[in-house]
Amino acid sequence: MNSLRRYAFPLFAALMLLLPALPVPDFWITQSNYIGLYALVTLGLVLLTGVAGLTSFGQAAFVGIGAYAGAFLVTRMATSPWLALLAGIAIAVAAALLLGAITLRMSGHYLPLATIAWGLALYYTMGNMEWLGKYDGILGVPTLKVFGTDLGTGRGLHVLIWFIALLAA
C-alpha cells in the first residue's frame, strides 16, 4: 500500500502529461484543462490564505490587467506574442505590487473588503474602456506556438497547463 502512495503522484503526473496523446474525446481534454486551471487557482489561494494568512478577493483583476496588456501589445502595437506575454506578466506584477503596497497596510476585515473594492473597480474600469474593447475584450489575439504546437487548441494547451499545475503542486 505504501509503495502505491509513493508512486501515485508521479503516475498521475505522467497520465496528465500524456493524456493529449491518447485517443480520448476532446471533451475529456477540455474538462482536464479546466481542472488544471482550477487546481492552479486553488494552489494560489492555499498559498495566500493558508501560508501567508491573508484574505484577498482581487486576484482576477491582476489576471485581467496582464491579459489586457498582452492582448493590447500584440494587436495594437504589433509586438511578438511571447514578448507581449512577458510584458503582460510584468505589468500585472507591477500593478499587484503597487496596489499591495497600499492595501496590505489594512488589517482585520478591512483587507478583504479593500481587495473586493479593487477587483470591482478594475473590472468596471477595464470593461468601460473603448480602446480595450469594453466588455467584449480585445479580439484577434493570435495563439502562441511552441515547437510547432499550437497552444490555441485544447490538446496543445493541455500539456502546458498541467506542467505548470504539477510544478506548482
N, C-alpha and C. Protein backbone atom coordinates (compact mmCIF):
# COMPACT_ATOMS: atom_id res chain seq x y z
N MET A 1 0.81 -1.20 0.00
CA MET A 1 0.00 0.00 0.00
C MET A 1 0.86 1.27 0.00
N ASN A 2 1.94 1.26 0.80
CA ASN A 2 2.81 2.43 0.85
C ASN A 2 3.51 2.67 -0.48
N SER A 3 3.87 1.60 -1.17
CA SER A 3 4.54 1.77 -2.47
C SER A 3 3.59 2.39 -3.49
N LEU A 4 2.30 2.09 -3.37
CA LEU A 4 1.32 2.70 -4.27
C LEU A 4 1.22 4.20 -4.02
N ARG A 5 1.21 4.57 -2.76
CA ARG A 5 1.17 6.01 -2.42
C ARG A 5 2.41 6.74 -2.90
N ARG A 6 3.54 6.05 -2.81
CA ARG A 6 4.79 6.69 -3.22
C ARG A 6 4.79 7.02 -4.71
N TYR A 7 4.14 6.18 -5.50
CA TYR A 7 4.14 6.37 -6.95
C TYR A 7 2.86 7.03 -7.47
N ALA A 8 1.94 7.37 -6.58
CA ALA A 8 0.66 7.92 -7.03
C ALA A 8 0.85 9.26 -7.75
N PHE A 9 1.60 10.18 -7.16
CA PHE A 9 1.78 11.49 -7.79
C PHE A 9 2.55 11.39 -9.11
N PRO A 10 3.68 10.66 -9.15
CA PRO A 10 4.37 10.53 -10.45
C PRO A 10 3.51 9.87 -11.52
N LEU A 11 2.71 8.86 -11.14
CA LEU A 11 1.82 8.22 -12.12
C LEU A 11 0.74 9.18 -12.59
N PHE A 12 0.18 9.94 -11.66
CA PHE A 12 -0.82 10.94 -12.04
C PHE A 12 -0.22 11.99 -12.96
N ALA A 13 0.99 12.45 -12.63
CA ALA A 13 1.67 13.46 -13.45
C ALA A 13 1.91 12.92 -14.86
N ALA A 14 2.37 11.69 -14.96
CA ALA A 14 2.61 11.10 -16.28
C ALA A 14 1.32 10.99 -17.07
N LEU A 15 0.24 10.58 -16.40
CA LEU A 15 -1.05 10.46 -17.09
C LEU A 15 -1.51 11.82 -17.61
N MET A 16 -1.40 12.84 -16.79
CA MET A 16 -1.87 14.17 -17.21
C MET A 16 -1.04 14.72 -18.36
N LEU A 17 0.26 14.46 -18.36
CA LEU A 17 1.11 14.97 -19.43
C LEU A 17 0.96 14.17 -20.72
N LEU A 18 0.56 12.92 -20.61
CA LEU A 18 0.39 12.07 -21.79
C LEU A 18 -1.04 12.03 -22.31
N LEU A 19 -1.99 12.55 -21.55
CA LEU A 19 -3.41 12.45 -21.91
C LEU A 19 -3.73 12.98 -23.32
N PRO A 20 -3.16 14.11 -23.76
CA PRO A 20 -3.50 14.58 -25.11
C PRO A 20 -3.06 13.64 -26.23
N ALA A 21 -2.06 12.81 -25.98
CA ALA A 21 -1.59 11.88 -27.00
C ALA A 21 -2.45 10.62 -27.06
N LEU A 22 -3.28 10.42 -26.04
CA LEU A 22 -4.14 9.24 -26.01
C LEU A 22 -5.40 9.47 -26.84
N PRO A 23 -6.01 8.41 -27.34
CA PRO A 23 -7.24 8.58 -28.14
C PRO A 23 -8.47 8.79 -27.26
N VAL A 24 -8.51 9.94 -26.61
CA VAL A 24 -9.66 10.29 -25.75
C VAL A 24 -10.44 11.42 -26.42
N PRO A 25 -11.71 11.55 -26.10
CA PRO A 25 -12.51 12.62 -26.71
C PRO A 25 -11.99 14.01 -26.34
N ASP A 26 -12.24 14.97 -27.21
CA ASP A 26 -11.83 16.35 -26.93
C ASP A 26 -12.51 16.90 -25.68
N PHE A 27 -13.70 16.40 -25.38
CA PHE A 27 -14.41 16.83 -24.18
C PHE A 27 -13.59 16.51 -22.93
N TRP A 28 -12.95 15.36 -22.89
CA TRP A 28 -12.11 15.00 -21.76
C TRP A 28 -10.94 15.96 -21.62
N ILE A 29 -10.37 16.33 -22.76
CA ILE A 29 -9.23 17.26 -22.74
C ILE A 29 -9.68 18.63 -22.21
N THR A 30 -10.84 19.09 -22.69
CA THR A 30 -11.36 20.38 -22.24
C THR A 30 -11.61 20.35 -20.73
N GLN A 31 -12.24 19.28 -20.24
CA GLN A 31 -12.50 19.17 -18.81
C GLN A 31 -11.20 19.12 -18.01
N SER A 32 -10.23 18.39 -18.52
CA SER A 32 -8.93 18.30 -17.86
C SER A 32 -8.23 19.66 -17.83
N ASN A 33 -8.38 20.43 -18.91
CA ASN A 33 -7.80 21.79 -18.92
C ASN A 33 -8.42 22.64 -17.82
N TYR A 34 -9.74 22.58 -17.70
CA TYR A 34 -10.41 23.34 -16.64
C TYR A 34 -9.96 22.89 -15.26
N ILE A 35 -9.84 21.60 -15.07
CA ILE A 35 -9.39 21.07 -13.77
C ILE A 35 -7.99 21.57 -13.46
N GLY A 36 -7.10 21.56 -14.45
CA GLY A 36 -5.74 22.06 -14.25
C GLY A 36 -5.71 23.53 -13.90
N LEU A 37 -6.52 24.32 -14.60
CA LEU A 37 -6.57 25.76 -14.31
C LEU A 37 -7.15 26.01 -12.92
N TYR A 38 -8.21 25.29 -12.55
CA TYR A 38 -8.79 25.45 -11.22
C TYR A 38 -7.82 24.99 -10.14
N ALA A 39 -7.02 23.96 -10.44
CA ALA A 39 -6.02 23.50 -9.48
C ALA A 39 -4.98 24.59 -9.24
N LEU A 40 -4.58 25.30 -10.29
CA LEU A 40 -3.64 26.41 -10.13
C LEU A 40 -4.23 27.52 -9.26
N VAL A 41 -5.49 27.85 -9.50
CA VAL A 41 -6.15 28.89 -8.70
C VAL A 41 -6.22 28.44 -7.24
N THR A 42 -6.57 27.19 -7.02
CA THR A 42 -6.68 26.67 -5.66
C THR A 42 -5.33 26.67 -4.96
N LEU A 43 -4.29 26.28 -5.66
CA LEU A 43 -2.95 26.31 -5.06
C LEU A 43 -2.55 27.74 -4.70
N GLY A 44 -2.93 28.70 -5.54
CA GLY A 44 -2.64 30.10 -5.24
C GLY A 44 -3.39 30.58 -4.01
N LEU A 45 -4.65 30.16 -3.88
CA LEU A 45 -5.43 30.54 -2.70
C LEU A 45 -4.90 29.88 -1.43
N VAL A 46 -4.45 28.64 -1.54
CA VAL A 46 -3.86 27.97 -0.38
C VAL A 46 -2.60 28.71 0.06
N LEU A 47 -1.78 29.10 -0.90
CA LEU A 47 -0.57 29.85 -0.58
C LEU A 47 -0.91 31.19 0.08
N LEU A 48 -1.89 31.89 -0.49
CA LEU A 48 -2.26 33.21 0.02
C LEU A 48 -2.92 33.13 1.40
N THR A 49 -3.93 32.29 1.53
CA THR A 49 -4.68 32.26 2.79
C THR A 49 -4.05 31.32 3.81
N GLY A 50 -3.67 30.12 3.39
CA GLY A 50 -3.15 29.14 4.34
C GLY A 50 -1.74 29.41 4.80
N VAL A 51 -0.87 29.81 3.88
CA VAL A 51 0.53 30.03 4.24
C VAL A 51 0.78 31.46 4.69
N ALA A 52 0.30 32.44 3.89
CA ALA A 52 0.55 33.84 4.22
C ALA A 52 -0.45 34.39 5.23
N GLY A 53 -1.61 33.73 5.37
CA GLY A 53 -2.61 34.20 6.33
C GLY A 53 -3.37 35.44 5.87
N LEU A 54 -3.41 35.68 4.58
CA LEU A 54 -4.11 36.85 4.04
C LEU A 54 -5.38 36.42 3.33
N THR A 55 -6.37 37.27 3.32
CA THR A 55 -7.59 37.00 2.58
C THR A 55 -7.72 38.05 1.49
N SER A 56 -7.78 37.60 0.24
CA SER A 56 -7.88 38.52 -0.89
C SER A 56 -8.91 38.01 -1.87
N PHE A 57 -9.65 38.94 -2.43
CA PHE A 57 -10.66 38.60 -3.43
C PHE A 57 -10.40 39.32 -4.75
N GLY A 58 -9.20 39.83 -4.94
CA GLY A 58 -8.94 40.64 -6.12
C GLY A 58 -7.98 40.04 -7.12
N GLN A 59 -7.66 38.73 -7.01
CA GLN A 59 -6.68 38.14 -7.92
C GLN A 59 -7.10 38.23 -9.37
N ALA A 60 -8.38 38.10 -9.65
CA ALA A 60 -8.86 38.13 -11.03
C ALA A 60 -8.55 39.46 -11.71
N ALA A 61 -8.51 40.52 -10.94
CA ALA A 61 -8.19 41.83 -11.52
C ALA A 61 -6.77 41.85 -12.08
N PHE A 62 -5.86 41.20 -11.40
CA PHE A 62 -4.47 41.17 -11.89
C PHE A 62 -4.34 40.29 -13.12
N VAL A 63 -5.11 39.21 -13.17
CA VAL A 63 -5.14 38.40 -14.39
C VAL A 63 -5.65 39.25 -15.54
N GLY A 64 -6.69 40.04 -15.29
CA GLY A 64 -7.25 40.92 -16.32
C GLY A 64 -6.25 41.97 -16.78
N ILE A 65 -5.53 42.55 -15.85
CA ILE A 65 -4.52 43.55 -16.22
C ILE A 65 -3.46 42.94 -17.13
N GLY A 66 -2.96 41.77 -16.75
CA GLY A 66 -1.94 41.10 -17.57
C GLY A 66 -2.48 40.69 -18.93
N ALA A 67 -3.71 40.17 -18.95
CA ALA A 67 -4.31 39.73 -20.21
C ALA A 67 -4.57 40.90 -21.15
N TYR A 68 -5.14 41.97 -20.63
CA TYR A 68 -5.39 43.14 -21.47
C TYR A 68 -4.08 43.76 -21.97
N ALA A 69 -3.07 43.82 -21.10
CA ALA A 69 -1.78 44.39 -21.51
C ALA A 69 -1.17 43.57 -22.64
N GLY A 70 -1.14 42.25 -22.47
CA GLY A 70 -0.58 41.38 -23.51
C GLY A 70 -1.35 41.47 -24.81
N ALA A 71 -2.69 41.43 -24.72
CA ALA A 71 -3.52 41.49 -25.92
C ALA A 71 -3.36 42.83 -26.63
N PHE A 72 -3.28 43.91 -25.87
CA PHE A 72 -3.11 45.24 -26.45
C PHE A 72 -1.76 45.32 -27.19
N LEU A 73 -0.71 44.82 -26.57
CA LEU A 73 0.61 44.87 -27.19
C LEU A 73 0.67 44.07 -28.49
N VAL A 74 0.00 42.92 -28.52
CA VAL A 74 0.04 42.07 -29.72
C VAL A 74 -0.81 42.66 -30.83
N THR A 75 -2.04 43.09 -30.50
CA THR A 75 -2.96 43.51 -31.56
C THR A 75 -2.75 44.95 -32.00
N ARG A 76 -2.43 45.83 -31.10
CA ARG A 76 -2.35 47.25 -31.46
C ARG A 76 -0.92 47.75 -31.66
N MET A 77 0.04 47.11 -31.00
CA MET A 77 1.43 47.56 -31.09
C MET A 77 2.30 46.60 -31.91
N ALA A 78 1.70 45.54 -32.45
CA ALA A 78 2.39 44.55 -33.30
C ALA A 78 3.63 43.97 -32.61
N THR A 79 3.49 43.67 -31.33
CA THR A 79 4.58 43.08 -30.56
C THR A 79 4.54 41.55 -30.72
N SER A 80 5.66 40.92 -30.57
CA SER A 80 5.72 39.46 -30.59
C SER A 80 4.82 38.91 -29.48
N PRO A 81 4.06 37.84 -29.76
CA PRO A 81 3.20 37.28 -28.72
C PRO A 81 3.96 36.84 -27.47
N TRP A 82 5.17 36.31 -27.65
CA TRP A 82 5.95 35.89 -26.49
C TRP A 82 6.42 37.08 -25.67
N LEU A 83 6.84 38.15 -26.35
CA LEU A 83 7.26 39.36 -25.64
C LEU A 83 6.06 40.00 -24.94
N ALA A 84 4.92 39.99 -25.61
CA ALA A 84 3.70 40.54 -25.01
C ALA A 84 3.28 39.74 -23.78
N LEU A 85 3.46 38.43 -23.83
CA LEU A 85 3.15 37.58 -22.67
C LEU A 85 4.01 37.97 -21.48
N LEU A 86 5.30 38.11 -21.70
CA LEU A 86 6.21 38.51 -20.62
C LEU A 86 5.90 39.92 -20.12
N ALA A 87 5.61 40.83 -21.05
CA ALA A 87 5.27 42.20 -20.65
C ALA A 87 3.96 42.23 -19.85
N GLY A 88 2.97 41.43 -20.27
CA GLY A 88 1.71 41.35 -19.53
C GLY A 88 1.91 40.87 -18.11
N ILE A 89 2.77 39.86 -17.95
CA ILE A 89 3.08 39.36 -16.61
C ILE A 89 3.76 40.45 -15.79
N ALA A 90 4.73 41.14 -16.39
CA ALA A 90 5.45 42.20 -15.68
C ALA A 90 4.52 43.33 -15.27
N ILE A 91 3.60 43.71 -16.14
CA ILE A 91 2.66 44.78 -15.82
C ILE A 91 1.70 44.35 -14.71
N ALA A 92 1.26 43.10 -14.76
CA ALA A 92 0.38 42.58 -13.70
C ALA A 92 1.10 42.55 -12.36
N VAL A 93 2.36 42.13 -12.36
CA VAL A 93 3.15 42.10 -11.13
C VAL A 93 3.34 43.52 -10.59
N ALA A 94 3.64 44.47 -11.48
CA ALA A 94 3.82 45.86 -11.05
C ALA A 94 2.53 46.41 -10.45
N ALA A 95 1.40 46.13 -11.08
CA ALA A 95 0.11 46.59 -10.53
C ALA A 95 -0.17 45.94 -9.18
N ALA A 96 0.14 44.65 -9.05
CA ALA A 96 -0.08 43.95 -7.79
C ALA A 96 0.80 44.52 -6.69
N LEU A 97 2.04 44.83 -7.02
CA LEU A 97 2.94 45.43 -6.02
C LEU A 97 2.46 46.81 -5.60
N LEU A 98 2.01 47.60 -6.57
CA LEU A 98 1.52 48.94 -6.27
C LEU A 98 0.27 48.90 -5.40
N LEU A 99 -0.72 48.11 -5.82
CA LEU A 99 -1.96 48.02 -5.04
C LEU A 99 -1.72 47.30 -3.71
N GLY A 100 -0.81 46.34 -3.69
CA GLY A 100 -0.47 45.66 -2.45
C GLY A 100 0.19 46.58 -1.44
N ALA A 101 1.03 47.48 -1.94
CA ALA A 101 1.69 48.44 -1.03
C ALA A 101 0.66 49.33 -0.34
N ILE A 102 -0.41 49.62 -1.04
CA ILE A 102 -1.47 50.45 -0.47
C ILE A 102 -2.38 49.61 0.43
N THR A 103 -2.79 48.46 -0.05
CA THR A 103 -3.84 47.67 0.60
C THR A 103 -3.34 46.85 1.78
N LEU A 104 -2.12 46.34 1.72
CA LEU A 104 -1.64 45.44 2.78
C LEU A 104 -1.39 46.15 4.10
N ARG A 105 -1.54 47.45 4.15
CA ARG A 105 -1.42 48.17 5.42
C ARG A 105 -2.68 47.98 6.27
N MET A 106 -3.74 47.50 5.62
CA MET A 106 -5.00 47.28 6.33
C MET A 106 -4.98 45.93 7.03
N SER A 107 -5.81 45.81 8.04
CA SER A 107 -5.89 44.53 8.76
C SER A 107 -7.34 44.24 9.09
N GLY A 108 -7.54 43.06 9.63
CA GLY A 108 -8.89 42.66 10.00
C GLY A 108 -9.77 42.51 8.78
N HIS A 109 -11.02 42.90 8.93
CA HIS A 109 -11.97 42.75 7.81
C HIS A 109 -11.79 43.83 6.74
N TYR A 110 -10.96 44.84 7.01
CA TYR A 110 -10.74 45.89 6.02
C TYR A 110 -9.94 45.39 4.81
N LEU A 111 -9.02 44.46 5.04
CA LEU A 111 -8.20 43.94 3.93
C LEU A 111 -9.05 43.21 2.90
N PRO A 112 -9.88 42.23 3.30
CA PRO A 112 -10.72 41.58 2.27
C PRO A 112 -11.67 42.54 1.58
N LEU A 113 -12.22 43.49 2.32
CA LEU A 113 -13.13 44.46 1.71
C LEU A 113 -12.41 45.34 0.71
N ALA A 114 -11.18 45.73 1.03
CA ALA A 114 -10.40 46.56 0.10
C ALA A 114 -10.06 45.78 -1.17
N THR A 115 -9.76 44.48 -1.03
CA THR A 115 -9.44 43.69 -2.23
C THR A 115 -10.67 43.50 -3.10
N ILE A 116 -11.84 43.37 -2.49
CA ILE A 116 -13.08 43.31 -3.27
C ILE A 116 -13.27 44.62 -4.02
N ALA A 117 -13.04 45.74 -3.32
CA ALA A 117 -13.20 47.05 -3.95
C ALA A 117 -12.25 47.24 -5.12
N TRP A 118 -10.98 46.85 -4.95
CA TRP A 118 -10.01 46.95 -6.05
C TRP A 118 -10.44 46.09 -7.23
N GLY A 119 -10.85 44.87 -6.94
CA GLY A 119 -11.27 43.97 -8.01
C GLY A 119 -12.44 44.52 -8.80
N LEU A 120 -13.45 45.03 -8.08
CA LEU A 120 -14.62 45.60 -8.76
C LEU A 120 -14.27 46.87 -9.53
N ALA A 121 -13.45 47.72 -8.92
CA ALA A 121 -13.06 48.97 -9.59
C ALA A 121 -12.31 48.69 -10.88
N LEU A 122 -11.37 47.76 -10.84
CA LEU A 122 -10.61 47.43 -12.05
C LEU A 122 -11.48 46.73 -13.09
N TYR A 123 -12.40 45.88 -12.64
CA TYR A 123 -13.31 45.20 -13.56
C TYR A 123 -14.15 46.20 -14.33
N TYR A 124 -14.77 47.13 -13.62
CA TYR A 124 -15.63 48.11 -14.29
C TYR A 124 -14.81 49.13 -15.09
N THR A 125 -13.62 49.45 -14.63
CA THR A 125 -12.76 50.38 -15.38
C THR A 125 -12.35 49.77 -16.71
N MET A 126 -11.84 48.54 -16.68
CA MET A 126 -11.40 47.89 -17.93
C MET A 126 -12.60 47.58 -18.82
N GLY A 127 -13.73 47.26 -18.23
CA GLY A 127 -14.91 46.93 -19.01
C GLY A 127 -15.55 48.12 -19.70
N ASN A 128 -15.22 49.32 -19.27
CA ASN A 128 -15.81 50.51 -19.88
C ASN A 128 -14.84 51.29 -20.75
N MET A 129 -13.65 50.79 -20.95
CA MET A 129 -12.68 51.47 -21.81
C MET A 129 -12.89 51.03 -23.25
N GLU A 130 -13.23 51.98 -24.09
CA GLU A 130 -13.49 51.70 -25.50
C GLU A 130 -12.27 51.08 -26.19
N TRP A 131 -11.09 51.60 -25.91
CA TRP A 131 -9.88 51.14 -26.57
C TRP A 131 -9.44 49.75 -26.12
N LEU A 132 -10.09 49.21 -25.07
CA LEU A 132 -9.84 47.84 -24.65
C LEU A 132 -10.97 46.90 -25.08
N GLY A 133 -11.87 47.40 -25.91
CA GLY A 133 -12.96 46.57 -26.41
C GLY A 133 -14.13 46.45 -25.47
N LYS A 134 -14.17 47.29 -24.45
CA LYS A 134 -15.24 47.24 -23.43
C LYS A 134 -15.37 45.82 -22.88
N TYR A 135 -16.59 45.35 -22.66
CA TYR A 135 -16.78 44.03 -22.04
C TYR A 135 -16.54 42.87 -23.00
N ASP A 136 -16.42 43.15 -24.29
CA ASP A 136 -16.10 42.10 -25.26
C ASP A 136 -14.61 41.77 -25.26
N GLY A 137 -13.79 42.67 -24.78
CA GLY A 137 -12.35 42.46 -24.75
C GLY A 137 -11.72 42.77 -26.10
N ILE A 138 -10.46 42.46 -26.21
CA ILE A 138 -9.70 42.70 -27.43
C ILE A 138 -9.78 41.44 -28.30
N LEU A 139 -10.25 41.62 -29.50
CA LEU A 139 -10.43 40.49 -30.41
C LEU A 139 -9.24 40.35 -31.34
N GLY A 140 -9.04 39.15 -31.85
CA GLY A 140 -7.98 38.91 -32.83
C GLY A 140 -6.61 38.64 -32.24
N VAL A 141 -6.54 38.19 -31.00
CA VAL A 141 -5.26 37.89 -30.38
C VAL A 141 -4.76 36.55 -30.94
N PRO A 142 -3.56 36.54 -31.52
CA PRO A 142 -3.05 35.28 -32.08
C PRO A 142 -2.66 34.29 -30.99
N THR A 143 -2.71 33.01 -31.33
CA THR A 143 -2.32 31.99 -30.36
C THR A 143 -0.81 31.83 -30.33
N LEU A 144 -0.31 31.31 -29.24
CA LEU A 144 1.12 31.03 -29.11
C LEU A 144 1.43 29.67 -29.72
N LYS A 145 2.65 29.56 -30.22
CA LYS A 145 3.11 28.29 -30.78
C LYS A 145 4.44 27.92 -30.12
N VAL A 146 4.56 26.64 -29.72
CA VAL A 146 5.79 26.14 -29.12
C VAL A 146 6.24 24.93 -29.92
N PHE A 147 7.40 25.02 -30.54
CA PHE A 147 7.95 23.92 -31.35
C PHE A 147 6.92 23.40 -32.35
N GLY A 148 6.17 24.31 -32.96
CA GLY A 148 5.19 23.93 -33.97
C GLY A 148 3.85 23.50 -33.41
N THR A 149 3.72 23.41 -32.08
CA THR A 149 2.45 23.02 -31.46
C THR A 149 1.66 24.28 -31.15
N ASP A 150 0.45 24.34 -31.68
CA ASP A 150 -0.42 25.49 -31.47
C ASP A 150 -1.06 25.39 -30.09
N LEU A 151 -0.81 26.37 -29.24
CA LEU A 151 -1.39 26.38 -27.90
C LEU A 151 -2.80 26.92 -27.89
N GLY A 152 -3.35 27.21 -29.06
CA GLY A 152 -4.72 27.69 -29.14
C GLY A 152 -5.73 26.56 -29.19
N THR A 153 -5.25 25.33 -29.21
CA THR A 153 -6.15 24.18 -29.20
C THR A 153 -6.13 23.55 -27.81
N GLY A 154 -7.17 22.81 -27.49
CA GLY A 154 -7.25 22.18 -26.18
C GLY A 154 -6.11 21.20 -25.93
N ARG A 155 -5.81 20.38 -26.93
CA ARG A 155 -4.73 19.40 -26.77
C ARG A 155 -3.37 20.09 -26.71
N GLY A 156 -3.20 21.16 -27.45
CA GLY A 156 -1.93 21.88 -27.43
C GLY A 156 -1.68 22.57 -26.10
N LEU A 157 -2.72 23.06 -25.49
CA LEU A 157 -2.60 23.80 -24.24
C LEU A 157 -2.55 22.88 -23.02
N HIS A 158 -3.06 21.68 -23.17
CA HIS A 158 -3.18 20.74 -22.05
C HIS A 158 -1.85 20.48 -21.35
N VAL A 159 -0.82 20.18 -22.12
CA VAL A 159 0.47 19.85 -21.52
C VAL A 159 1.03 21.06 -20.77
N LEU A 160 0.89 22.25 -21.33
CA LEU A 160 1.39 23.45 -20.65
C LEU A 160 0.66 23.68 -19.34
N ILE A 161 -0.67 23.60 -19.36
CA ILE A 161 -1.45 23.80 -18.14
C ILE A 161 -1.03 22.81 -17.06
N TRP A 162 -0.96 21.54 -17.42
CA TRP A 162 -0.65 20.52 -16.42
C TRP A 162 0.82 20.54 -16.01
N PHE A 163 1.71 20.94 -16.88
CA PHE A 163 3.11 21.07 -16.49
C PHE A 163 3.24 22.14 -15.40
N ILE A 164 2.58 23.28 -15.60
CA ILE A 164 2.65 24.35 -14.62
C ILE A 164 1.92 23.96 -13.33
N ALA A 165 0.76 23.32 -13.45
CA ALA A 165 0.00 22.91 -12.25
C ALA A 165 0.78 21.89 -11.44
N LEU A 166 1.39 20.91 -12.10
CA LEU A 166 2.16 19.90 -11.40
C LEU A 166 3.43 20.49 -10.79
N LEU A 167 4.04 21.41 -11.49
CA LEU A 167 5.21 22.10 -10.95
C LEU A 167 4.84 22.91 -9.71
N ALA A 168 3.69 23.57 -9.77
CA ALA A 168 3.23 24.36 -8.61
C ALA A 168 2.89 23.45 -7.43
N ALA A 169 2.32 22.28 -7.72
CA ALA A 169 1.98 21.35 -6.63
C ALA A 169 3.24 20.82 -5.98
